[in-house]
C-alpha cells in the first residue's frame, strides 16, 4: 500500500543546477535528497509525485546558493 504525503522543505539549490529549467532542477535535487530514503514518521520515499508550491529564491548571508521553500508530494 502506498500513501501520498505532503512535505514542506527548504531546499538549497546549488548554482550549477540553475542553468536547467527550474522544475527539472528542483525535481532532480528532491530525488537526490529523498528518493530511496526513509523519512521519519512517514516511511520509505519511492517517488516525488508532484511539486505543489515553490516560494522564495532567497540567498542567505554566507551561502552561495539560493534557498527555495517547497511543498511537494
Protein backbone atom coordinates (compact mmCIF):
# COMPACT_ATOMS: atom_id res chain seq x y z
CA UNK A 1 0.00 0.00 0.00
CA UNK A 2 1.25 3.47 -0.89
CA UNK A 3 0.26 6.76 0.72
CA UNK A 4 0.84 10.26 -0.65
CA UNK A 5 2.22 12.64 1.95
CA UNK A 6 2.62 16.38 1.67
CA UNK A 7 6.08 17.58 2.72
CA UNK A 8 7.35 21.12 3.28
CA UNK A 9 11.08 21.58 2.81
CA UNK A 10 13.61 24.42 2.43
CA UNK A 11 15.76 23.36 -0.50
CA UNK A 12 19.15 24.96 -1.18
CA UNK A 13 19.65 24.99 -4.96
CA UNK A 14 23.30 24.59 -6.00
CA UNK A 15 24.36 27.18 -8.59
CA UNK A 16 25.34 24.55 -11.17
CA UNK A 17 21.67 23.49 -11.47
CA UNK A 18 20.34 26.98 -12.22
CA UNK A 19 21.03 26.68 -15.97
CA UNK A 20 18.35 23.95 -16.20
CA UNK A 21 14.58 24.63 -16.22
CA UNK A 22 13.53 25.33 -12.62
CA UNK A 23 11.04 22.46 -12.26
CA UNK A 24 13.55 19.93 -13.63
CA UNK A 25 16.31 21.19 -11.34
CA UNK A 26 14.02 21.10 -8.28
CA UNK A 27 12.79 17.59 -9.05
CA UNK A 28 16.33 16.30 -9.62
CA UNK A 29 17.53 17.77 -6.31
CA UNK A 30 14.50 16.44 -4.39
CA UNK A 31 15.03 12.97 -5.86
CA UNK A 32 18.69 13.13 -4.86
CA UNK A 33 17.73 14.02 -1.28
CA UNK A 34 14.62 11.88 -0.68
CA UNK A 35 14.42 9.01 -3.17
CA UNK A 36 15.03 5.56 -1.64
CA UNK A 37 15.44 7.03 1.84
CA UNK A 38 13.31 6.59 4.95
CA UNK A 39 11.59 9.80 6.08
CA UNK A 40 10.89 9.97 9.83
CA UNK A 41 7.22 9.29 10.70
CA UNK A 42 6.35 8.72 7.01
CA UNK A 43 8.32 5.74 5.74
CA UNK A 44 10.24 4.97 2.56
CA UNK A 45 10.12 7.60 -0.17
CA UNK A 46 9.75 5.89 -3.56
CA UNK A 47 8.92 8.87 -5.78
CA UNK A 48 8.49 12.63 -5.95
CA UNK A 49 4.92 12.73 -7.26
CA UNK A 50 4.17 16.44 -7.67
CA UNK A 51 5.56 19.86 -6.73
CA UNK A 52 2.68 21.87 -5.30
CA UNK A 53 4.26 25.22 -4.39
CA UNK A 54 7.58 26.99 -4.89
CA UNK A 55 8.36 30.19 -2.99
CA UNK A 56 11.47 32.15 -2.26
CA UNK A 57 14.75 32.10 -4.03
CA UNK A 58 16.39 33.77 -1.05
CA UNK A 59 20.16 33.94 -0.72
CA UNK A 60 21.12 33.89 2.94
CA UNK A 61 24.32 35.61 4.16
CA UNK A 62 27.36 33.35 3.96
CA UNK A 63 25.78 30.92 1.47
CA UNK A 64 26.46 30.70 -2.24
CA UNK A 65 23.13 29.19 -3.25
CA UNK A 66 19.50 30.25 -3.38
CA UNK A 67 17.08 28.60 -0.95
CA UNK A 68 13.56 27.73 -2.09
CA UNK A 69 10.59 26.91 0.14
CA UNK A 70 8.78 23.93 -1.37
CA UNK A 71 5.63 21.95 -0.79
CA UNK A 72 5.60 18.64 -2.61
CA UNK A 73 4.10 15.18 -2.58
